[in-house]
Amino acid sequence: MKIRENAEITVIDVAEDLGNHVAGELKQTLEAQNTLKIVMNLSDVKHIGSTAIGALVGVAMRLRRKGGDLKVYGLRDNIMRAFDLVGATGIVEIFSTESSAAAAF
């Protein structure tokens, strides 16, 4: 994962698949950020497990309680279907580009 600071927003570029075995590491990385506004680039992710999606949902909800949020963009069709299957599309906002995700804050 590559972490970039863009004004008051942290952008995380994920360059690996997010299977269930990395869900804990993913959650730790997200929770270690010193910002309440996180945008995740998932365009290089070819597989995501339900536990990893659950970690994203949990972090999004925690950030919202503090006045922030987590947005994602660049989802492939199969990743979008996985988000749909677990009901995450109603919780995590999904965008097509980084600029549209960042502008949604």
C-alpha atoms as a PDB file:
ATOM      1  CA  MET A   1       0.000   0.000   0.000  1.00  0.00           C
ATOM      2  CA  LYS A   2       1.217   3.435  -0.931  1.00  0.00           C
ATOM      3  CA  ILE A   3       0.038   6.272   1.297  1.00  0.00           C
ATOM      4  CA  ARG A   4      -0.155   9.835  -0.006  1.00  0.00           C
ATOM      5  CA  GLU A   5      -1.232  13.043   1.699  1.00  0.00           C
ATOM      6  CA  ASN A   6      -3.442  15.298  -0.414  1.00  0.00           C
ATOM      7  CA  ALA A   7      -4.368  18.439   1.529  1.00  0.00           C
ATOM      8  CA  GLU A   8      -6.343  17.158   4.536  1.00  0.00           C
ATOM      9  CA  ILE A   9      -7.125  13.846   2.836  1.00  0.00           C
ATOM     10  CA  THR A  10      -5.072  10.670   2.995  1.00  0.00           C
ATOM     11  CA  VAL A  11      -5.076   8.668  -0.242  1.00  0.00           C
ATOM     12  CA  ILE A  12      -4.132   5.001  -0.051  1.00  0.00           C
ATOM     13  CA  ASP A  13      -3.242   3.182  -3.261  1.00  0.00           C
ATOM     14  CA  VAL A  14      -3.723  -0.545  -2.795  1.00  0.00           C
ATOM     15  CA  ALA A  15      -1.527  -2.598  -5.141  1.00  0.00           C
ATOM     16  CA  GLU A  16      -2.392  -6.052  -3.858  1.00  0.00           C
ATOM     17  CA  ASP A  17      -5.380  -8.297  -3.483  1.00  0.00           C
ATOM     18  CA  LEU A  18      -7.247  -7.939  -0.203  1.00  0.00           C
ATOM     19  CA  GLY A  19      -7.981 -11.488   0.826  1.00  0.00           C
ATOM     20  CA  ASN A  20      -9.314 -12.257   4.265  1.00  0.00           C
ATOM     21  CA  HIS A  21      -5.789 -13.004   5.481  1.00  0.00           C
ATOM     22  CA  VAL A  22      -4.793  -9.311   5.174  1.00  0.00           C
ATOM     23  CA  ALA A  23      -7.930  -7.822   6.757  1.00  0.00           C
ATOM     24  CA  GLY A  24      -6.230  -7.223  10.112  1.00  0.00           C
ATOM     25  CA  GLU A  25      -3.240  -5.508   8.512  1.00  0.00           C
ATOM     26  CA  LEU A  26      -5.579  -3.419   6.364  1.00  0.00           C
ATOM     27  CA  LYS A  27      -7.561  -2.270   9.393  1.00  0.00           C
ATOM     28  CA  GLN A  28      -4.364  -1.411  11.301  1.00  0.00           C
ATOM     29  CA  THR A  29      -3.032   0.618   8.372  1.00  0.00           C
ATOM     30  CA  LEU A  30      -6.273   2.569   8.072  1.00  0.00           C
ATOM     31  CA  GLU A  31      -6.597   3.202  11.796  1.00  0.00           C
ATOM     32  CA  ALA A  32      -2.971   4.410  11.999  1.00  0.00           C
ATOM     33  CA  GLN A  33      -3.684   7.374   9.707  1.00  0.00           C
ATOM     34  CA  ASN A  34      -3.710  10.811  11.329  1.00  0.00           C
ATOM     35  CA  THR A  35      -6.640  12.057   9.299  1.00  0.00           C
ATOM     36  CA  LEU A  36     -10.380  11.612   9.424  1.00  0.00           C
ATOM     37  CA  LYS A  37     -10.691  11.680   5.627  1.00  0.00           C
ATOM     38  CA  ILE A  38      -9.398   8.652   3.749  1.00  0.00           C
ATOM     39  CA  VAL A  39      -9.741   7.820   0.057  1.00  0.00           C
ATOM     40  CA  MET A  40      -8.751   4.326  -1.092  1.00  0.00           C
ATOM     41  CA  ASN A  41      -7.726   3.496  -4.641  1.00  0.00           C
ATOM     42  CA  LEU A  42      -8.789  -0.100  -5.291  1.00  0.00           C
ATOM     43  CA  SER A  43      -8.209  -0.082  -9.064  1.00  0.00           C
ATOM     44  CA  ASP A  44      -5.363  -2.642  -8.832  1.00  0.00           C
ATOM     45  CA  VAL A  45      -7.292  -4.993  -6.526  1.00  0.00           C
ATOM     46  CA  LYS A  46      -8.416  -8.130  -8.377  1.00  0.00           C
ATOM     47  CA  HIS A  47      -9.803  -9.995  -5.337  1.00  0.00           C
ATOM     48  CA  ILE A  48     -11.263  -8.884  -2.017  1.00  0.00           C
ATOM     49  CA  GLY A  49     -12.533 -11.052   0.810  1.00  0.00           C
ATOM     50  CA  SER A  50     -15.610 -10.377   2.886  1.00  0.00           C
ATOM     51  CA  THR A  51     -13.485  -9.887   6.010  1.00  0.00           C
ATOM     52  CA  ALA A  52     -11.463  -7.185   4.255  1.00  0.00           C
ATOM     53  CA  ILE A  53     -14.684  -5.480   3.150  1.00  0.00           C
ATOM     54  CA  GLY A  54     -15.870  -5.716   6.750  1.00  0.00           C
ATOM     55  CA  ALA A  55     -12.677  -3.985   7.873  1.00  0.00           C
ATOM     56  CA  LEU A  56     -13.365  -1.127   5.428  1.00  0.00           C
ATOM     57  CA  VAL A  57     -16.954  -0.825   6.680  1.00  0.00           C
ATOM     58  CA  GLY A  58     -15.787  -0.774  10.302  1.00  0.00           C
ATOM     59  CA  VAL A  59     -13.211   1.932   9.643  1.00  0.00           C
ATOM     60  CA  ALA A  60     -15.737   4.005   7.663  1.00  0.00           C
ATOM     61  CA  MET A  61     -18.204   3.850  10.545  1.00  0.00           C
ATOM     62  CA  ARG A  62     -15.514   4.765  13.105  1.00  0.00           C
ATOM     63  CA  LEU A  63     -14.384   7.730  11.004  1.00  0.00           C
ATOM     64  CA  ARG A  64     -17.980   8.951  10.614  1.00  0.00           C
ATOM     65  CA  ARG A  65     -18.482   8.936  14.374  1.00  0.00           C
ATOM     66  CA  LYS A  66     -15.515  11.332  14.555  1.00  0.00           C
ATOM     67  CA  GLY A  67     -16.714  13.561  11.719  1.00  0.00           C
ATOM     68  CA  GLY A  68     -14.727  11.964   8.890  1.00  0.00           C
ATOM     69  CA  ASP A  69     -15.279   9.207   6.350  1.00  0.00           C
ATOM     70  CA  LEU A  70     -13.727   6.574   4.107  1.00  0.00           C
ATOM     71  CA  LYS A  71     -14.377   6.671   0.359  1.00  0.00           C
ATOM     72  CA  VAL A  72     -13.225   4.140  -2.232  1.00  0.00           C
ATOM     73  CA  TYR A  73     -12.782   4.357  -5.983  1.00  0.00           C
ATOM     74  CA  GLY A  74     -11.663   2.343  -8.980  1.00  0.00           C
ATOM     75  CA  LEU A  75     -13.537  -0.869  -8.225  1.00  0.00           C
ATOM     76  CA  ARG A  76     -13.500  -3.576 -10.884  1.00  0.00           C
ATOM     77  CA  ASP A  77     -16.845  -5.216 -11.634  1.00  0.00           C
ATOM     78  CA  ASN A  78     -16.103  -8.293  -9.501  1.00  0.00           C
ATOM     79  CA  ILE A  79     -15.030  -6.115  -6.553  1.00  0.00           C
ATOM     80  CA  MET A  80     -18.230  -4.094  -6.883  1.00  0.00           C
ATOM     81  CA  ARG A  81     -20.243  -7.342  -6.852  1.00  0.00           C
ATOM     82  CA  ALA A  82     -18.440  -8.420  -3.673  1.00  0.00           C
ATOM     83  CA  PHE A  83     -19.329  -5.082  -2.025  1.00  0.00           C
ATOM     84  CA  ASP A  84     -22.944  -5.569  -3.154  1.00  0.00           C
ATOM     85  CA  LEU A  85     -23.120  -9.145  -1.855  1.00  0.00           C
ATOM     86  CA  VAL A  86     -22.113  -8.182   1.671  1.00  0.00           C
ATOM     87  CA  GLY A  87     -24.223  -5.020   1.715  1.00  0.00           C
ATOM     88  CA  ALA A  88     -21.264  -2.645   1.857  1.00  0.00           C
ATOM     89  CA  THR A  89     -22.436  -0.435  -1.016  1.00  0.00           C
ATOM     90  CA  GLY A  90     -25.005   1.077   1.307  1.00  0.00           C
ATOM     91  CA  ILE A  91     -22.314   1.988   3.833  1.00  0.00           C
ATOM     92  CA  VAL A  92     -19.094   2.782   1.966  1.00  0.00           C
ATOM     93  CA  GLU A  93     -19.352   5.429  -0.726  1.00  0.00           C
ATOM     94  CA  ILE A  94     -17.926   4.273  -4.059  1.00  0.00           C
ATOM     95  CA  PHE A  95     -16.626   6.566  -6.801  1.00  0.00           C
ATOM     96  CA  SER A  96     -15.059   6.146 -10.214  1.00  0.00           C
ATOM     97  CA  THR A  97     -12.166   8.590  -9.732  1.00  0.00           C
ATOM     98  CA  GLU A  98      -9.942   9.939  -6.977  1.00  0.00           C
ATOM     99  CA  SER A  99     -11.040  13.501  -7.656  1.00  0.00           C
ATOM    100  CA  SER A 100     -14.734  12.656  -7.335  1.00  0.00           C
ATOM    101  CA  ALA A 101     -14.105  10.732  -4.093  1.00  0.00           C
ATOM    102  CA  ALA A 102     -12.063  13.594  -2.627  1.00  0.00           C
ATOM    103  CA  ALA A 103     -14.644  16.180  -3.699  1.00  0.00           C
ATOM    104  CA  ALA A 104     -17.357  14.258  -1.826  1.00  0.00           C
ATOM    105  CA  PHE A 105     -15.886  15.323   1.519  1.00  0.00           C
END
